[in-house]
N, C-alpha and C. Protein backbone atom coordinates (compact mmCIF):
# COMPACT_ATOMS: atom_id res chain seq x y z
N VAL A 1 35.15 54.40 27.99
CA VAL A 1 34.20 54.44 29.08
C VAL A 1 34.55 55.61 29.98
N ASP A 2 33.57 56.44 30.25
CA ASP A 2 33.76 57.55 31.18
C ASP A 2 34.06 56.98 32.56
N PRO A 3 35.16 57.37 33.20
CA PRO A 3 35.52 56.81 34.50
C PRO A 3 34.42 56.92 35.56
N ALA A 4 33.53 57.89 35.44
CA ALA A 4 32.47 58.05 36.43
C ALA A 4 31.24 57.20 36.14
N SER A 5 31.16 56.58 34.96
CA SER A 5 29.94 55.88 34.56
C SER A 5 29.65 54.62 35.38
N LEU A 6 30.66 54.01 35.97
CA LEU A 6 30.44 52.79 36.76
C LEU A 6 30.51 53.04 38.26
N ARG A 7 30.71 54.27 38.68
CA ARG A 7 30.85 54.60 40.09
C ARG A 7 29.66 54.08 40.91
N GLY A 8 29.97 53.23 41.89
CA GLY A 8 28.94 52.71 42.79
C GLY A 8 28.07 51.62 42.20
N LYS A 9 28.29 51.24 40.96
CA LYS A 9 27.47 50.21 40.33
C LYS A 9 27.95 48.83 40.76
N PRO A 10 27.03 47.91 41.06
CA PRO A 10 27.46 46.54 41.39
C PRO A 10 27.95 45.81 40.15
N VAL A 11 29.06 45.09 40.30
CA VAL A 11 29.65 44.35 39.18
C VAL A 11 29.98 42.94 39.65
N LEU A 12 29.46 41.96 38.93
CA LEU A 12 29.79 40.56 39.18
C LEU A 12 30.91 40.22 38.21
N LEU A 13 32.08 39.89 38.75
CA LEU A 13 33.23 39.57 37.91
C LEU A 13 33.16 38.12 37.45
N ALA A 14 33.23 37.92 36.14
CA ALA A 14 33.19 36.57 35.58
C ALA A 14 34.08 36.55 34.35
N ALA A 15 34.75 35.43 34.15
CA ALA A 15 35.64 35.30 33.00
C ALA A 15 35.81 33.83 32.65
N THR A 16 36.23 33.61 31.42
CA THR A 16 36.64 32.28 30.98
C THR A 16 38.07 32.39 30.50
N GLY A 17 38.76 31.27 30.52
CA GLY A 17 40.15 31.29 30.09
C GLY A 17 40.60 29.92 29.63
N GLY A 18 41.83 29.87 29.18
CA GLY A 18 42.38 28.65 28.62
C GLY A 18 42.81 27.62 29.64
N GLY A 19 42.96 28.00 30.89
CA GLY A 19 43.39 27.04 31.91
C GLY A 19 43.22 27.59 33.31
N GLN A 20 43.26 26.68 34.28
CA GLN A 20 43.07 27.08 35.67
C GLN A 20 44.13 28.06 36.16
N ARG A 21 45.30 28.01 35.59
CA ARG A 21 46.38 28.91 36.03
C ARG A 21 46.05 30.38 35.79
N HIS A 22 45.08 30.64 34.96
CA HIS A 22 44.71 32.02 34.67
C HIS A 22 43.59 32.54 35.57
N SER A 23 43.12 31.73 36.48
CA SER A 23 41.97 32.12 37.31
C SER A 23 42.23 33.35 38.16
N LEU A 24 43.46 33.58 38.58
CA LEU A 24 43.76 34.77 39.39
C LEU A 24 43.72 36.06 38.59
N MET A 25 43.55 35.94 37.28
CA MET A 25 43.42 37.12 36.44
C MET A 25 42.27 38.00 36.92
N ILE A 26 41.23 37.39 37.42
CA ILE A 26 40.09 38.16 37.92
C ILE A 26 40.55 39.04 39.08
N GLU A 27 41.28 38.46 40.02
CA GLU A 27 41.70 39.20 41.21
C GLU A 27 42.82 40.20 40.92
N HIS A 28 43.71 39.88 40.00
CA HIS A 28 44.86 40.73 39.75
C HIS A 28 44.69 41.71 38.60
N GLN A 29 43.68 41.51 37.77
CA GLN A 29 43.46 42.39 36.63
C GLN A 29 42.08 43.05 36.65
N LEU A 30 41.02 42.23 36.73
CA LEU A 30 39.67 42.80 36.64
C LEU A 30 39.26 43.57 37.89
N ARG A 31 39.52 43.01 39.08
CA ARG A 31 39.09 43.70 40.31
C ARG A 31 39.77 45.08 40.41
N PRO A 32 41.09 45.20 40.19
CA PRO A 32 41.68 46.54 40.22
C PRO A 32 41.16 47.46 39.12
N LEU A 33 40.88 46.91 37.94
CA LEU A 33 40.34 47.72 36.86
C LEU A 33 39.01 48.34 37.26
N PHE A 34 38.11 47.52 37.79
CA PHE A 34 36.81 48.05 38.20
C PHE A 34 36.92 48.92 39.45
N GLY A 35 37.97 48.69 40.25
CA GLY A 35 38.25 49.59 41.37
C GLY A 35 38.60 50.98 40.88
N PHE A 36 39.35 51.06 39.79
CA PHE A 36 39.67 52.35 39.18
C PHE A 36 38.39 53.08 38.79
N PHE A 37 37.42 52.35 38.28
CA PHE A 37 36.14 52.95 37.89
C PHE A 37 35.21 53.17 39.08
N GLU A 38 35.68 52.82 40.29
CA GLU A 38 34.92 52.98 41.53
C GLU A 38 33.62 52.18 41.52
N ALA A 39 33.64 51.06 40.82
CA ALA A 39 32.49 50.16 40.82
C ALA A 39 32.52 49.34 42.11
N PHE A 40 31.39 48.79 42.48
CA PHE A 40 31.29 47.93 43.65
C PHE A 40 31.35 46.49 43.18
N THR A 41 32.53 45.88 43.27
CA THR A 41 32.66 44.49 42.82
C THR A 41 32.20 43.55 43.91
N LEU A 42 31.42 42.57 43.52
CA LEU A 42 30.93 41.58 44.46
C LEU A 42 32.07 40.69 44.93
N PRO A 43 31.99 40.17 46.15
CA PRO A 43 33.10 39.38 46.69
C PRO A 43 33.37 38.08 45.93
N THR A 44 32.35 37.43 45.42
CA THR A 44 32.54 36.15 44.73
C THR A 44 32.65 36.39 43.23
N ALA A 45 33.74 35.91 42.65
CA ALA A 45 33.95 35.98 41.21
C ALA A 45 33.80 34.57 40.64
N VAL A 46 33.55 34.50 39.34
CA VAL A 46 33.35 33.20 38.68
C VAL A 46 34.35 33.08 37.53
N TYR A 47 35.08 31.98 37.52
CA TYR A 47 36.04 31.71 36.45
C TYR A 47 35.83 30.28 35.96
N ALA A 48 35.73 30.12 34.66
CA ALA A 48 35.53 28.80 34.08
C ALA A 48 36.50 28.57 32.93
N VAL A 49 36.78 27.31 32.66
CA VAL A 49 37.65 26.93 31.54
C VAL A 49 36.85 26.05 30.58
N ASP A 50 37.45 25.72 29.45
CA ASP A 50 36.71 24.98 28.42
C ASP A 50 36.18 23.64 28.91
N THR A 51 36.86 22.99 29.83
CA THR A 51 36.38 21.69 30.33
C THR A 51 35.14 21.83 31.23
N ASP A 52 34.79 23.06 31.60
CA ASP A 52 33.58 23.30 32.40
C ASP A 52 32.33 23.37 31.53
N PHE A 53 32.52 23.28 30.22
CA PHE A 53 31.42 23.39 29.26
C PHE A 53 31.32 22.13 28.41
N ALA A 54 30.11 21.83 27.98
CA ALA A 54 29.86 20.77 26.99
C ALA A 54 28.87 21.32 25.98
N ASP A 55 29.28 21.36 24.73
CA ASP A 55 28.43 21.89 23.65
C ASP A 55 27.92 23.29 23.97
N GLY A 56 28.80 24.12 24.56
CA GLY A 56 28.44 25.51 24.86
C GLY A 56 27.60 25.70 26.11
N THR A 57 27.35 24.63 26.84
CA THR A 57 26.55 24.71 28.06
C THR A 57 27.42 24.45 29.27
N LEU A 58 27.28 25.29 30.28
CA LEU A 58 28.04 25.10 31.52
C LEU A 58 27.57 23.83 32.21
N VAL A 59 28.49 22.90 32.46
CA VAL A 59 28.13 21.63 33.06
C VAL A 59 28.84 21.36 34.38
N SER A 60 29.81 22.16 34.74
CA SER A 60 30.55 21.97 35.98
C SER A 60 29.67 22.36 37.17
N GLU A 61 29.39 21.39 38.03
CA GLU A 61 28.56 21.67 39.21
C GLU A 61 29.24 22.68 40.12
N ALA A 62 30.57 22.63 40.23
CA ALA A 62 31.30 23.58 41.08
C ALA A 62 31.14 25.01 40.56
N ILE A 63 31.23 25.18 39.25
CA ILE A 63 31.10 26.52 38.67
C ILE A 63 29.64 26.98 38.74
N ILE A 64 28.71 26.09 38.50
CA ILE A 64 27.29 26.44 38.62
C ILE A 64 26.98 26.88 40.04
N SER A 65 27.52 26.18 41.02
CA SER A 65 27.30 26.54 42.42
C SER A 65 27.92 27.90 42.74
N ARG A 66 29.13 28.13 42.25
CA ARG A 66 29.81 29.41 42.49
C ARG A 66 29.04 30.56 41.82
N ALA A 67 28.55 30.32 40.61
CA ALA A 67 27.76 31.34 39.92
C ALA A 67 26.48 31.64 40.69
N ALA A 68 25.83 30.61 41.23
CA ALA A 68 24.62 30.81 42.02
C ALA A 68 24.93 31.64 43.27
N GLN A 69 26.07 31.37 43.89
CA GLN A 69 26.49 32.14 45.07
C GLN A 69 26.68 33.61 44.70
N ALA A 70 27.36 33.86 43.59
CA ALA A 70 27.61 35.24 43.15
C ALA A 70 26.30 35.94 42.79
N ILE A 71 25.40 35.23 42.13
CA ILE A 71 24.11 35.82 41.77
C ILE A 71 23.30 36.13 43.03
N GLY A 72 23.37 35.25 44.03
CA GLY A 72 22.70 35.50 45.30
C GLY A 72 23.22 36.77 45.96
N GLU A 73 24.54 36.97 45.92
CA GLU A 73 25.13 38.19 46.47
C GLU A 73 24.60 39.41 45.73
N ALA A 74 24.54 39.32 44.41
CA ALA A 74 24.04 40.44 43.61
C ALA A 74 22.58 40.73 43.93
N GLU A 75 21.77 39.69 44.06
CA GLU A 75 20.36 39.88 44.38
C GLU A 75 20.18 40.57 45.73
N ARG A 76 20.94 40.12 46.74
CA ARG A 76 20.83 40.74 48.07
C ARG A 76 21.27 42.20 48.04
N LEU A 77 22.34 42.48 47.30
CA LEU A 77 22.82 43.85 47.20
C LEU A 77 21.80 44.74 46.52
N ILE A 78 21.29 44.28 45.39
CA ILE A 78 20.33 45.08 44.64
C ILE A 78 19.05 45.29 45.44
N ALA A 79 18.60 44.25 46.15
CA ALA A 79 17.38 44.37 46.95
C ALA A 79 17.56 45.34 48.11
N SER A 80 18.78 45.49 48.61
CA SER A 80 19.01 46.36 49.76
C SER A 80 19.24 47.82 49.38
N ARG A 81 19.45 48.08 48.10
CA ARG A 81 19.71 49.45 47.66
C ARG A 81 18.41 50.15 47.34
N PRO A 82 18.28 51.41 47.74
CA PRO A 82 17.08 52.17 47.35
C PRO A 82 17.06 52.39 45.85
N LEU A 83 15.88 52.45 45.30
CA LEU A 83 15.76 52.70 43.86
C LEU A 83 16.23 54.11 43.55
N LEU A 84 16.99 54.23 42.50
CA LEU A 84 17.45 55.54 42.06
C LEU A 84 16.50 56.05 40.98
N HIS A 85 16.12 57.28 41.12
CA HIS A 85 15.25 57.88 40.11
C HIS A 85 16.13 58.62 39.13
N VAL A 86 16.12 58.16 37.89
CA VAL A 86 16.96 58.75 36.85
C VAL A 86 16.04 59.49 35.88
N ALA A 87 16.39 60.71 35.62
CA ALA A 87 15.58 61.50 34.68
C ALA A 87 15.73 60.92 33.29
N ALA A 88 14.64 60.90 32.55
CA ALA A 88 14.67 60.40 31.17
C ALA A 88 15.48 61.37 30.32
N GLU A 89 16.24 60.80 29.42
CA GLU A 89 17.07 61.65 28.53
C GLU A 89 16.29 62.06 27.32
């Protein structure tokens, strides 16, 4: 990935893992990684484990609520940004 390709782009951090103890991986690994790329990471991140799913469907009300919060942040950010005109390649 070209380091400049994500500059200023909004990024919603989300991950799944094997247990709750890995939830800080988002803050200690992903957020700094996207900081290197100068992306704009949203304040709310979403982390889920296998017990948050049933038959491949997210069923945890807490995680669904957190995801809705993060999506709301993304919607407000995107709505507040002026449209960028990109030349067709």
